[in-house]
PDB file of N, CA and C in Angstrom:
ATOM      1  N   UNK A   1     142.180   8.606-142.426  1.00  0.00           N
ATOM      2  CA  UNK A   1     141.890   7.552-141.480  1.00  0.00           C
ATOM      3  C   UNK A   1     140.556   7.850-140.800  1.00  0.00           C
ATOM      4  N   UNK A   2     139.767   6.842-140.576  1.00  0.00           N
ATOM      5  CA  UNK A   2     138.500   6.989-139.892  1.00  0.00           C
ATOM      6  C   UNK A   2     138.752   7.367-138.439  1.00  0.00           C
ATOM      7  N   UNK A   3     137.988   8.305-137.959  1.00  0.00           N
ATOM      8  CA  UNK A   3     138.144   8.736-136.569  1.00  0.00           C
ATOM      9  C   UNK A   3     137.749   7.592-135.644  1.00  0.00           C
ATOM     10  N   UNK A   4     138.527   7.373-134.609  1.00  0.00           N
ATOM     11  CA  UNK A   4     138.257   6.346-133.616  1.00  0.00           C
ATOM     12  C   UNK A   4     137.090   6.810-132.754  1.00  0.00           C
ATOM     13  N   UNK A   5     136.158   5.937-132.504  1.00  0.00           N
ATOM     14  CA  UNK A   5     134.994   6.283-131.689  1.00  0.00           C
ATOM     15  C   UNK A   5     135.276   6.008-130.222  1.00  0.00           C
ATOM     16  N   UNK A   6     135.020   6.999-129.408  1.00  0.00           N
ATOM     17  CA  UNK A   6     135.200   6.862-127.962  1.00  0.00           C
ATOM     18  C   UNK A   6     134.191   5.835-127.452  1.00  0.00           C
ATOM     19  N   UNK A   7     134.659   4.934-126.616  1.00  0.00           N
ATOM     20  CA  UNK A   7     133.778   3.935-126.043  1.00  0.00           C
ATOM     21  C   UNK A   7     133.665   2.671-126.860  1.00  0.00           C
ATOM     22  N   UNK A   8     134.288   2.619-128.028  1.00  0.00           N
ATOM     23  CA  UNK A   8     134.253   1.411-128.849  1.00  0.00           C
ATOM     24  C   UNK A   8     135.124   0.362-128.173  1.00  0.00           C
ATOM     25  N   UNK A   9     134.547  -0.767-127.747  1.00  0.00           N
ATOM     26  CA  UNK A   9     135.318  -1.759-126.994  1.00  0.00           C
ATOM     27  C   UNK A   9     136.397  -2.453-127.822  1.00  0.00           C
ATOM     28  N   UNK A  10     136.320  -2.376-129.140  1.00  0.00           N
ATOM     29  CA  UNK A  10     137.301  -3.054-129.981  1.00  0.00           C
ATOM     30  C   UNK A  10     138.464  -2.184-130.400  1.00  0.00           C
ATOM     31  N   UNK A  11     138.601  -1.011-129.800  1.00  0.00           N
ATOM     32  CA  UNK A  11     139.653  -0.085-130.220  1.00  0.00           C
ATOM     33  C   UNK A  11     140.976  -0.442-129.554  1.00  0.00           C
ATOM     34  N   UNK A  12     141.990  -0.559-130.363  1.00  0.00           N
ATOM     35  CA  UNK A  12     143.353  -0.773-129.882  1.00  0.00           C
ATOM     36  C   UNK A  12     143.908   0.584-129.427  1.00  0.00           C
ATOM     37  N   UNK A  13     144.625   0.618-128.327  1.00  0.00           N
ATOM     38  CA  UNK A  13     145.196   1.867-127.825  1.00  0.00           C
ATOM     39  C   UNK A  13     146.156   2.512-128.809  1.00  0.00           C
ATOM     40  N   UNK A  14     146.914   1.680-129.525  1.00  0.00           N
ATOM     41  CA  UNK A  14     147.851   2.220-130.518  1.00  0.00           C
ATOM     42  C   UNK A  14     147.071   2.881-131.653  1.00  0.00           C
ATOM     43  N   UNK A  15     145.982   2.265-132.076  1.00  0.00           N
ATOM     44  CA  UNK A  15     145.165   2.854-133.145  1.00  0.00           C
ATOM     45  C   UNK A  15     144.593   4.198-132.709  1.00  0.00           C
ATOM     46  N   UNK A  16     144.187   4.303-131.451  1.00  0.00           N
ATOM     47  CA  UNK A  16     143.659   5.567-130.936  1.00  0.00           C
ATOM     48  C   UNK A  16     144.747   6.643-130.924  1.00  0.00           C
ATOM     49  N   UNK A  17     145.962   6.256-130.555  1.00  0.00           N
ATOM     50  CA  UNK A  17     147.074   7.212-130.536  1.00  0.00           C
ATOM     51  C   UNK A  17     147.441   7.635-131.960  1.00  0.00           C
ATOM     52  N   UNK A  18     147.491   6.684-132.870  1.00  0.00           N
ATOM     53  CA  UNK A  18     147.837   6.993-134.261  1.00  0.00           C
ATOM     54  C   UNK A  18     146.769   7.892-134.880  1.00  0.00           C
ATOM     55  N   UNK A  19     145.516   7.680-134.533  1.00  0.00           N
ATOM     56  CA  UNK A  19     144.444   8.529-135.054  1.00  0.00           C
ATOM     57  C   UNK A  19     144.641   9.987-134.635  1.00  0.00           C
ATOM     58  N   UNK A  20     145.186  10.203-133.445  1.00  0.00           N
ATOM     59  CA  UNK A  20     145.410  11.567-132.951  1.00  0.00           C
ATOM     60  C   UNK A  20     146.533  12.269-133.694  1.00  0.00           C
ATOM     61  N   UNK A  21     147.476  11.512-134.258  1.00  0.00           N
ATOM     62  CA  UNK A  21     148.611  12.127-134.954  1.00  0.00           C
ATOM     63  C   UNK A  21     148.574  11.856-136.448  1.00  0.00           C
ATOM     64  N   UNK A  22     147.449  11.300-136.922  1.00  0.00           N
ATOM     65  CA  UNK A  22     147.307  11.005-138.339  1.00  0.00           C
ATOM     66  C   UNK A  22     147.346  12.299-139.148  1.00  0.00           C
ATOM     67  N   UNK A  23     148.146  12.307-140.161  1.00  0.00           N
ATOM     68  CA  UNK A  23     148.277  13.478-141.017  1.00  0.00           C
ATOM     69  C   UNK A  23     149.740  13.817-141.212  1.00  0.00           C
ATOM     70  N   UNK A  24     149.997  14.562-142.247  1.00  0.00           N
ATOM     71  CA  UNK A  24     151.376  14.857-142.639  1.00  0.00           C
ATOM     72  C   UNK A  24     152.108  15.764-141.654  1.00  0.00           C
ATOM     73  N   UNK A  25     151.399  16.670-140.983  1.00  0.00           N
ATOM     74  CA  UNK A  25     152.065  17.728-140.231  1.00  0.00           C
ATOM     75  C   UNK A  25     151.940  17.639-138.722  1.00  0.00           C
ATOM     76  N   UNK A  26     151.073  16.797-138.206  1.00  0.00           N
ATOM     77  CA  UNK A  26     150.782  16.817-136.773  1.00  0.00           C
ATOM     78  C   UNK A  26     151.996  16.488-135.905  1.00  0.00           C
ATOM     79  N   UNK A  27     152.778  15.494-136.284  1.00  0.00           N
ATOM     80  CA  UNK A  27     153.932  15.159-135.441  1.00  0.00           C
ATOM     81  C   UNK A  27     154.952  16.289-135.447  1.00  0.00           C
ATOM     82  N   UNK A  28     155.153  16.923-136.593  1.00  0.00           N
ATOM     83  CA  UNK A  28     156.091  18.043-136.668  1.00  0.00           C
ATOM     84  C   UNK A  28     155.589  19.215-135.821  1.00  0.00           C
ATOM     85  N   UNK A  29     154.298  19.499-135.888  1.00  0.00           N
ATOM     86  CA  UNK A  29     153.750  20.591-135.085  1.00  0.00           C
ATOM     87  C   UNK A  29     153.829  20.278-133.594  1.00  0.00           C
ATOM     88  N   UNK A  30     153.590  19.029-133.223  1.00  0.00           N
ATOM     89  CA  UNK A  30     153.763  18.631-131.821  1.00  0.00           C
ATOM     90  C   UNK A  30     155.189  18.905-131.372  1.00  0.00           C
ATOM     91  N   UNK A  31     156.142  18.505-132.199  1.00  0.00           N
ATOM     92  CA  UNK A  31     157.561  18.683-131.871  1.00  0.00           C
ATOM     93  C   UNK A  31     157.901  20.163-131.721  1.00  0.00           C
ATOM     94  N   UNK A  32     157.411  20.999-132.632  1.00  0.00           N
ATOM     95  CA  UNK A  32     157.692  22.433-132.552  1.00  0.00           C
ATOM     96  C   UNK A  32     157.047  23.061-131.312  1.00  0.00           C
ATOM     97  N   UNK A  33     155.804  22.684-131.025  1.00  0.00           N
ATOM     98  CA  UNK A  33     155.103  23.265-129.880  1.00  0.00           C
ATOM     99  C   UNK A  33     155.628  22.745-128.552  1.00  0.00           C
ATOM    100  N   UNK A  34     156.354  21.645-128.582  1.00  0.00           N
ATOM    101  CA  UNK A  34     156.944  21.126-127.345  1.00  0.00           C
ATOM    102  C   UNK A  34     157.928  22.131-126.751  1.00  0.00           C
ATOM    103  N   UNK A  35     158.553  22.947-127.596  1.00  0.00           N
ATOM    104  CA  UNK A  35     159.523  23.932-127.105  1.00  0.00           C
ATOM    105  C   UNK A  35     158.857  25.166-126.505  1.00  0.00           C
ATOM    106  N   UNK A  36     157.534  25.289-126.663  1.00  0.00           N
ATOM    107  CA  UNK A  36     156.825  26.422-126.095  1.00  0.00           C
ATOM    108  C   UNK A  36     155.772  26.963-127.046  1.00  0.00           C
ATOM    109  N   UNK A  37     154.990  27.933-126.576  1.00  0.00           N
ATOM    110  CA  UNK A  37     153.926  28.510-127.400  1.00  0.00           C
ATOM    111  C   UNK A  37     154.475  29.173-128.665  1.00  0.00           C
ATOM    112  N   UNK A  38     153.686  29.099-129.739  1.00  0.00           N
ATOM    113  CA  UNK A  38     154.057  29.711-131.010  1.00  0.00           C
ATOM    114  C   UNK A  38     152.844  30.390-131.629  1.00  0.00           C
ATOM    115  N   UNK A  39     153.115  31.481-132.319  1.00  0.00           N
ATOM    116  CA  UNK A  39     152.092  32.125-133.126  1.00  0.00           C
ATOM    117  C   UNK A  39     152.051  31.410-134.473  1.00  0.00           C
ATOM    118  N   UNK A  40     150.925  31.469-135.181  1.00  0.00           N
ATOM    119  CA  UNK A  40     150.822  30.781-136.470  1.00  0.00           C
ATOM    120  C   UNK A  40     151.910  31.200-137.466  1.00  0.00           C
ATOM    121  N   UNK A  41     152.253  32.473-137.490  1.00  0.00           N
ATOM    122  CA  UNK A  41     153.293  32.953-138.410  1.00  0.00           C
ATOM    123  C   UNK A  41     154.644  32.329-138.119  1.00  0.00           C
ATOM    124  N   UNK A  42     154.944  32.132-136.836  1.00  0.00           N
ATOM    125  CA  UNK A  42     156.202  31.477-136.462  1.00  0.00           C
ATOM    126  C   UNK A  42     156.220  30.039-136.958  1.00  0.00           C
ATOM    127  N   UNK A  43     155.093  29.353-136.808  1.00  0.00           N
ATOM    128  CA  UNK A  43     155.011  27.969-137.277  1.00  0.00           C
ATOM    129  C   UNK A  43     155.162  27.908-138.792  1.00  0.00           C
ATOM    130  N   UNK A  44     154.541  28.855-139.502  1.00  0.00           N
ATOM    131  CA  UNK A  44     154.663  28.884-140.973  1.00  0.00           C
ATOM    132  C   UNK A  44     156.109  29.114-141.398  1.00  0.00           C
ATOM    133  N   UNK A  45     156.827  29.973-140.693  1.00  0.00           N
ATOM    134  CA  UNK A  45     158.234  30.225-141.040  1.00  0.00           C
ATOM    135  C   UNK A  45     159.091  28.993-140.780  1.00  0.00           C
ATOM    136  N   UNK A  46     158.761  28.244-139.738  1.00  0.00           N
ATOM    137  CA  UNK A  46     159.539  27.043-139.415  1.00  0.00           C
ATOM    138  C   UNK A  46     159.181  25.864-140.315  1.00  0.00           C
ATOM    139  N   UNK A  47     157.995  25.912-140.915  1.00  0.00           N
ATOM    140  CA  UNK A  47     157.546  24.852-141.826  1.00  0.00           C
ATOM    141  C   UNK A  47     157.038  25.523-143.109  1.00  0.00           C
ATOM    142  N   UNK A  48     157.947  26.033-143.942  1.00  0.00           N
ATOM    143  CA  UNK A  48     157.510  26.786-145.122  1.00  0.00           C
ATOM    144  C   UNK A  48     156.738  25.954-146.149  1.00  0.00           C
ATOM    145  N   UNK A  49     156.816  24.623-146.060  1.00  0.00           N
ATOM    146  CA  UNK A  49     156.126  23.768-147.031  1.00  0.00           C
ATOM    147  C   UNK A  49     154.623  23.686-146.768  1.00  0.00           C
ATOM    148  N   UNK A  50     154.179  24.087-145.570  1.00  0.00           N
ATOM    149  CA  UNK A  50     152.758  23.977-145.221  1.00  0.00           C
ATOM    150  C   UNK A  50     152.039  25.265-145.612  1.00  0.00           C
ATOM    151  N   UNK A  51     150.866  25.112-146.206  1.00  0.00           N
ATOM    152  CA  UNK A  51     150.090  26.303-146.558  1.00  0.00           C
ATOM    153  C   UNK A  51     149.383  26.838-145.315  1.00  0.00           C
ATOM    154  N   UNK A  52     148.991  28.078-145.385  1.00  0.00           N
ATOM    155  CA  UNK A  52     148.296  28.690-144.249  1.00  0.00           C
ATOM    156  C   UNK A  52     146.985  27.957-143.969  1.00  0.00           C
ATOM    157  N   UNK A  53     146.280  27.572-145.026  1.00  0.00           N
ATOM    158  CA  UNK A  53     145.014  26.858-144.872  1.00  0.00           C
ATOM    159  C   UNK A  53     145.221  25.520-144.169  1.00  0.00           C
ATOM    160  N   UNK A  54     146.213  24.761-144.600  1.00  0.00           N
ATOM    161  CA  UNK A  54     146.469  23.445-144.012  1.00  0.00           C
ATOM    162  C   UNK A  54     146.965  23.592-142.575  1.00  0.00           C
ATOM    163  N   UNK A  55     147.795  24.593-142.310  1.00  0.00           N
ATOM    164  CA  UNK A  55     148.265  24.830-140.945  1.00  0.00           C
ATOM    165  C   UNK A  55     147.078  25.100-140.024  1.00  0.00           C
ATOM    166  N   UNK A  56     146.198  25.998-140.432  1.00  0.00           N
ATOM    167  CA  UNK A  56     145.029  26.336-139.626  1.00  0.00           C
ATOM    168  C   UNK A  56     144.146  25.116-139.419  1.00  0.00           C
ATOM    169  N   UNK A  57     143.903  24.369-140.480  1.00  0.00           N
ATOM    170  CA  UNK A  57     143.069  23.175-140.403  1.00  0.00           C
ATOM    171  C   UNK A  57     143.672  22.141-139.457  1.00  0.00           C
ATOM    172  N   UNK A  58     144.977  21.926-139.567  1.00  0.00           N
ATOM    173  CA  UNK A  58     145.653  20.939-138.730  1.00  0.00           C
ATOM    174  C   UNK A  58     145.637  21.361-137.269  1.00  0.00           C
ATOM    175  N   UNK A  59     145.916  22.634-137.003  1.00  0.00           N
ATOM    176  CA  UNK A  59     145.892  23.124-135.624  1.00  0.00           C
ATOM    177  C   UNK A  59     144.483  23.027-135.031  1.00  0.00           C
ATOM    178  N   UNK A  60     143.474  23.291-135.834  1.00  0.00           N
ATOM    179  CA  UNK A  60     142.092  23.179-135.343  1.00  0.00           C
ATOM    180  C   UNK A  60     141.739  21.721-135.028  1.00  0.00           C
ATOM    181  N   UNK A  61     142.203  20.786-135.859  1.00  0.00           N
ATOM    182  CA  UNK A  61     141.984  19.362-135.580  1.00  0.00           C
ATOM    183  C   UNK A  61     142.672  18.963-134.283  1.00  0.00           C
ATOM    184  N   UNK A  62     143.903  19.440-134.116  1.00  0.00           N
ATOM    185  CA  UNK A  62     144.650  19.126-132.897  1.00  0.00           C
ATOM    186  C   UNK A  62     143.976  19.750-131.677  1.00  0.00           C
ATOM    187  N   UNK A  63     143.398  20.932-131.862  1.00  0.00           N
ATOM    188  CA  UNK A  63     142.670  21.578-130.770  1.00  0.00           C
ATOM    189  C   UNK A  63     141.421  20.765-130.417  1.00  0.00           C
ATOM    190  N   UNK A  64     140.690  20.295-131.414  1.00  0.00           N
ATOM    191  CA  UNK A  64     139.472  19.518-131.128  1.00  0.00           C
ATOM    192  C   UNK A  64     139.808  18.160-130.511  1.00  0.00           C
ATOM    193  N   UNK A  65     141.015  17.648-130.769  1.00  0.00           N
ATOM    194  CA  UNK A  65     141.470  16.398-130.157  1.00  0.00           C
ATOM    195  C   UNK A  65     142.057  16.613-128.765  1.00  0.00           C
ATOM    196  N   UNK A  66     142.124  17.870-128.322  1.00  0.00           N
ATOM    197  CA  UNK A  66     142.615  18.169-126.982  1.00  0.00           C
ATOM    198  C   UNK A  66     144.130  18.184-126.859  1.00  0.00           C
ATOM    199  N   UNK A  67     144.834  18.290-127.991  1.00  0.00           N
ATOM    200  CA  UNK A  67     146.296  18.286-127.973  1.00  0.00           C
ATOM    201  C   UNK A  67     146.880  19.694-127.916  1.00  0.00           C
ATOM    202  N   UNK A  68     146.128  20.658-128.444  1.00  0.00           N
ATOM    203  CA  UNK A  68     146.622  22.026-128.584  1.00  0.00           C
ATOM    204  C   UNK A  68     145.618  22.990-127.965  1.00  0.00           C
ATOM    205  N   UNK A  69     146.148  24.009-127.306  1.00  0.00           N
ATOM    206  CA  UNK A  69     145.326  25.096-126.760  1.00  0.00           C
ATOM    207  C   UNK A  69     145.527  26.319-127.642  1.00  0.00           C
ATOM    208  N   UNK A  70     144.428  26.958-128.002  1.00  0.00           N
ATOM    209  CA  UNK A  70     144.468  28.166-128.832  1.00  0.00           C
ATOM    210  C   UNK A  70     144.051  29.351-127.981  1.00  0.00           C
ATOM    211  N   UNK A  71     144.963  30.289-127.827  1.00  0.00           N
ATOM    212  CA  UNK A  71     144.703  31.498-127.035  1.00  0.00           C
ATOM    213  C   UNK A  71     144.600  32.679-127.993  1.00  0.00           C
ATOM    214  N   UNK A  72     143.467  33.361-127.955  1.00  0.00           N
ATOM    215  CA  UNK A  72     143.248  34.530-128.805  1.00  0.00           C
ATOM    216  C   UNK A  72     143.239  35.758-127.910  1.00  0.00           C
ATOM    217  N   UNK A  73     144.125  36.710-128.214  1.00  0.00           N
ATOM    218  CA  UNK A  73     144.215  37.944-127.433  1.00  0.00           C
ATOM    219  C   UNK A  73     143.392  39.035-128.111  1.00  0.00           C
ATOM    220  N   UNK A  74     142.690  39.813-127.319  1.00  0.00           N
ATOM    221  CA  UNK A  74     141.841  40.880-127.834  1.00  0.00           C
ATOM    222  C   UNK A  74     142.665  42.147-128.017  1.00  0.00           C
ATOM    223  N   UNK A  75     143.474  42.142-129.059  1.00  0.00           N
ATOM    224  CA  UNK A  75     144.316  43.296-129.384  1.00  0.00           C
ATOM    225  C   UNK A  75     144.209  43.549-130.883  1.00  0.00           C
ATOM    226  N   UNK A  76     144.685  44.717-131.303  1.00  0.00           N
ATOM    227  CA  UNK A  76     144.712  45.046-132.727  1.00  0.00           C
ATOM    228  C   UNK A  76     146.168  45.205-133.127  1.00  0.00           C
ATOM    229  N   UNK A  77     146.658  44.473-134.113  1.00  0.00           N
ATOM    230  CA  UNK A  77     145.991  43.397-134.847  1.00  0.00           C
ATOM    231  C   UNK A  77     145.803  42.169-133.959  1.00  0.00           C
ATOM    232  N   UNK A  78     144.852  41.286-134.329  1.00  0.00           N
ATOM    233  CA  UNK A  78     144.584  40.101-133.514  1.00  0.00           C
ATOM    234  C   UNK A  78     145.833  39.253-133.311  1.00  0.00           C
ATOM    235  N   UNK A  79     145.938  38.682-132.144  1.00  0.00           N
ATOM    236  CA  UNK A  79     147.082  37.840-131.808  1.00  0.00           C
ATOM    237  C   UNK A  79     146.565  36.487-131.338  1.00  0.00           C
ATOM    238  N   UNK A  80     147.072  35.416-131.965  1.00  0.00           N
ATOM    239  CA  UNK A  80     146.712  34.049-131.599  1.00  0.00           C
ATOM    240  C   UNK A  80     147.982  33.295-131.263  1.00  0.00           C
ATOM    241  N   UNK A  81     147.930  32.516-130.200  1.00  0.00           N
ATOM    242  CA  UNK A  81     149.086  31.725-129.778  1.00  0.00           C
ATOM    243  C   UNK A  81     148.618  30.299-129.534  1.00  0.00           C
ATOM    244  N   UNK A  82     149.390  29.359-130.048  1.00  0.00           N
ATOM    245  CA  UNK A  82     149.097  27.935-129.851  1.00  0.00           C
ATOM    246  C   UNK A  82     150.127  27.336-128.911  1.00  0.00           C
ATOM    247  N   UNK A  83     149.656  26.460-128.033  1.00  0.00           N
ATOM    248  CA  UNK A  83     150.541  25.754-127.110  1.00  0.00           C
ATOM    249  C   UNK A  83     149.998  24.345-126.901  1.00  0.00           C
ATOM    250  N   UNK A  84     150.855  23.475-126.388  1.00  0.00           N
ATOM    251  CA  UNK A  84     150.422  22.118-126.104  1.00  0.00           C
ATOM    252  C   UNK A  84     149.617  22.075-124.814  1.00  0.00           C
ATOM    253  N   UNK A  85     148.591  21.265-124.815  1.00  0.00           N
ATOM    254  CA  UNK A  85     147.864  20.978-123.585  1.00  0.00           C
ATOM    255  C   UNK A  85     148.652  19.911-122.829  1.00  0.00           C
ATOM    256  N   UNK A  86     148.206  19.577-121.650  1.00  0.00           N
ATOM    257  CA  UNK A  86     148.837  18.495-120.894  1.00  0.00           C
ATOM    258  C   UNK A  86     148.796  17.197-121.695  1.00  0.00           C
ATOM    259  N   UNK A  87     147.675  16.956-122.338  1.00  0.00           N
ATOM    260  CA  UNK A  87     147.522  15.752-123.160  1.00  0.00           C
ATOM    261  C   UNK A  87     148.472  15.780-124.358  1.00  0.00           C
ATOM    262  N   UNK A  88     148.628  16.943-124.974  1.00  0.00           N
ATOM    263  CA  UNK A  88     149.543  17.080-126.104  1.00  0.00           C
ATOM    264  C   UNK A  88     150.985  16.863-125.695  1.00  0.00           C
ATOM    265  N   UNK A  89     151.365  17.398-124.539  1.00  0.00           N
ATOM    266  CA  UNK A  89     152.720  17.196-124.034  1.00  0.00           C
ATOM    267  C   UNK A  89     152.947  15.728-123.695  1.00  0.00           C
ATOM    268  N   UNK A  90     151.947  15.100-123.110  1.00  0.00           N
ATOM    269  CA  UNK A  90     152.036  13.680-122.782  1.00  0.00           C
ATOM    270  C   UNK A  90     152.236  12.840-124.054  1.00  0.00           C
ATOM    271  N   UNK A  91     151.497  13.169-125.110  1.00  0.00           N
ATOM    272  CA  UNK A  91     151.649  12.462-126.379  1.00  0.00           C
ATOM    273  C   UNK A  91     153.025  12.708-126.973  1.00  0.00           C
ATOM    274  N   UNK A  92     153.490  13.934-126.927  1.00  0.00           N
ATOM    275  CA  UNK A  92     154.809  14.266-127.460  1.00  0.00           C
ATOM    276  C   UNK A  92     155.907  13.482-126.746  1.00  0.00           C
ATOM    277  N   UNK A  93     155.800  13.390-125.432  1.00  0.00           N
ATOM    278  CA  UNK A  93     156.787  12.626-124.656  1.00  0.00           C
ATOM    279  C   UNK A  93     156.690  11.126-124.968  1.00  0.00           C
ATOM    280  N   UNK A  94     155.477  10.643-125.205  1.00  0.00           N
ATOM    281  CA  UNK A  94     155.297   9.228-125.545  1.00  0.00           C
ATOM    282  C   UNK A  94     155.898   8.911-126.911  1.00  0.00           C
ATOM    283  N   UNK A  95     155.924   9.901-127.798  1.00  0.00           N
ATOM    284  CA  UNK A  95     156.477   9.689-129.140  1.00  0.00           C
ATOM    285  C   UNK A  95     158.007   9.761-129.173  1.00  0.00           C
ATOM    286  N   UNK A  96     158.632  10.276-128.126  1.00  0.00           N
ATOM    287  CA  UNK A  96     160.094  10.431-128.105  1.00  0.00           C
ATOM    288  C   UNK A  96     160.828   9.112-128.347  1.00  0.00           C
ATOM    289  N   UNK A  97     160.461   7.998-127.690  1.00  0.00           N
ATOM    290  CA  UNK A  97     161.155   6.736-127.982  1.00  0.00           C
ATOM    291  C   UNK A  97     160.963   6.272-129.430  1.00  0.00           C
ATOM    292  N   UNK A  98     159.784   6.543-129.984  1.00  0.00           N
ATOM    293  CA  UNK A  98     159.550   6.192-131.386  1.00  0.00           C
ATOM    294  C   UNK A  98     160.448   7.026-132.294  1.00  0.00           C
ATOM    295  N   UNK A  99     160.622   8.285-131.965  1.00  0.00           N
ATOM    296  CA  UNK A  99     161.530   9.147-132.724  1.00  0.00           C
ATOM    297  C   UNK A  99     162.964   8.636-132.650  1.00  0.00           C
ATOM    298  N   UNK A 100     163.388   8.239-131.450  1.00  0.00           N
ATOM    299  CA  UNK A 100     164.743   7.686-131.290  1.00  0.00           C
ATOM    300  C   UNK A 100     164.915   6.440-132.149  1.00  0.00           C
ATOM    301  N   UNK A 101     163.916   5.569-132.151  1.00  0.00           N
ATOM    302  CA  UNK A 101     163.977   4.356-132.976  1.00  0.00           C
ATOM    303  C   UNK A 101     164.074   4.725-134.451  1.00  0.00           C
ATOM    304  N   UNK A 102     163.293   5.714-134.875  1.00  0.00           N
ATOM    305  CA  UNK A 102     163.326   6.150-136.273  1.00  0.00           C
ATOM    306  C   UNK A 102     164.695   6.667-136.680  1.00  0.00           C
ATOM    307  N   UNK A 103     165.348   7.442-135.811  1.00  0.00           N
ATOM    308  CA  UNK A 103     166.690   7.941-136.116  1.00  0.00           C
ATOM    309  C   UNK A 103     167.698   6.800-136.213  1.00  0.00           C
ATOM    310  N   UNK A 104     167.591   5.825-135.299  1.00  0.00           N
ATOM    311  CA  UNK A 104     168.489   4.660-135.368  1.00  0.00           C
ATOM    312  C   UNK A 104     168.261   3.882-136.659  1.00  0.00           C
ATOM    313  N   UNK A 105     167.017   3.758-137.073  1.00  0.00           N
ATOM    314  CA  UNK A 105     166.697   3.056-138.319  1.00  0.00           C
ATOM    315  C   UNK A 105     167.303   3.784-139.515  1.00  0.00           C
ATOM    316  N   UNK A 106     167.160   5.110-139.547  1.00  0.00           N
ATOM    317  CA  UNK A 106     167.735   5.883-140.649  1.00  0.00           C
ATOM    318  C   UNK A 106     169.257   5.748-140.689  1.00  0.00           C
ATOM    319  N   UNK A 107     169.889   5.773-139.523  1.00  0.00           N
ATOM    320  CA  UNK A 107     171.341   5.599-139.457  1.00  0.00           C
ATOM    321  C   UNK A 107     171.749   4.222-139.979  1.00  0.00           C
ATOM    322  N   UNK A 108     170.988   3.196-139.597  1.00  0.00           N
ATOM    323  CA  UNK A 108     171.281   1.827-140.029  1.00  0.00           C
ATOM    324  C   UNK A 108     171.112   1.699-141.556  1.00  0.00           C
ATOM    325  N   UNK A 109     170.039   2.289-142.098  1.00  0.00           N
ATOM    326  CA  UNK A 109     169.830   2.237-143.545  1.00  0.00           C
ATOM    327  C   UNK A 109     170.925   2.972-144.296  1.00  0.00           C
ATOM    328  N   UNK A 110     171.355   4.107-143.761  1.00  0.00           N
ATOM    329  CA  UNK A 110     172.442   4.869-144.405  1.00  0.00           C
ATOM    330  C   UNK A 110     173.735   4.059-144.381  1.00  0.00           C
ATOM    331  N   UNK A 111     174.010   3.390-143.280  1.00  0.00           N
ATOM    332  CA  UNK A 111     175.217   2.572-143.178  1.00  0.00           C
ATOM    333  C   UNK A 111     175.158   1.394-144.145  1.00  0.00           C
ATOM    334  N   UNK A 112     173.977   0.795-144.301  1.00  0.00           N
ATOM    335  CA  UNK A 112     173.829  -0.327-145.237  1.00  0.00           C
ATOM    336  C   UNK A 112     174.026   0.143-146.682  1.00  0.00           C
ATOM    337  N   UNK A 113     173.523   1.319-147.015  1.00  0.00           N
ATOM    338  CA  UNK A 113     173.715   1.860-148.367  1.00  0.00           C
ATOM    339  C   UNK A 113     175.186   2.181-148.623  1.00  0.00           C
ATOM    340  N   UNK A 114     175.840   2.729-147.617  1.00  0.00           N
ATOM    341  CA  UNK A 114     177.264   3.068-147.766  1.00  0.00           C
ATOM    342  C   UNK A 114     178.126   1.817-147.929  1.00  0.00           C
ATOM    343  N   UNK A 115     177.706   0.726-147.300  1.00  0.00           N
ATOM    344  CA  UNK A 115     178.456  -0.527-147.384  1.00  0.00           C
ATOM    345  C   UNK A 115     178.227  -1.238-148.726  1.00  0.00           C
ATOM    346  N   UNK A 116     177.152  -0.890-149.422  1.00  0.00           N
ATOM    347  CA  UNK A 116     176.824  -1.559-150.687  1.00  0.00           C
ATOM    348  C   UNK A 116     177.703  -1.087-151.826  1.00  0.00           C
TER     349      UNK A 116
END
């Protein structure tokens, strides 16, 4: 998806929000980070389907969008921790009703299939 330009008068607010979560893993990472800070290895264990490269790339995109804070500790071995920013938490909370709707939709589709 094309990045939304700040200050573009024709931008829809929903399009701007969707641009921030565009991608296969961003909503899942938001959901995981909502429970608290995580190290990259913890995120990889919770999402084994994501490669290390894609995880790093996605977290960096989320960091540049102001959704995620990356804390690097000066220790050996290096320690990095990711957490949600205020903006990231706000987005995660805004997505909660959409998640509820999605679960209701899945339940309805399952019931329709079972009735067929």
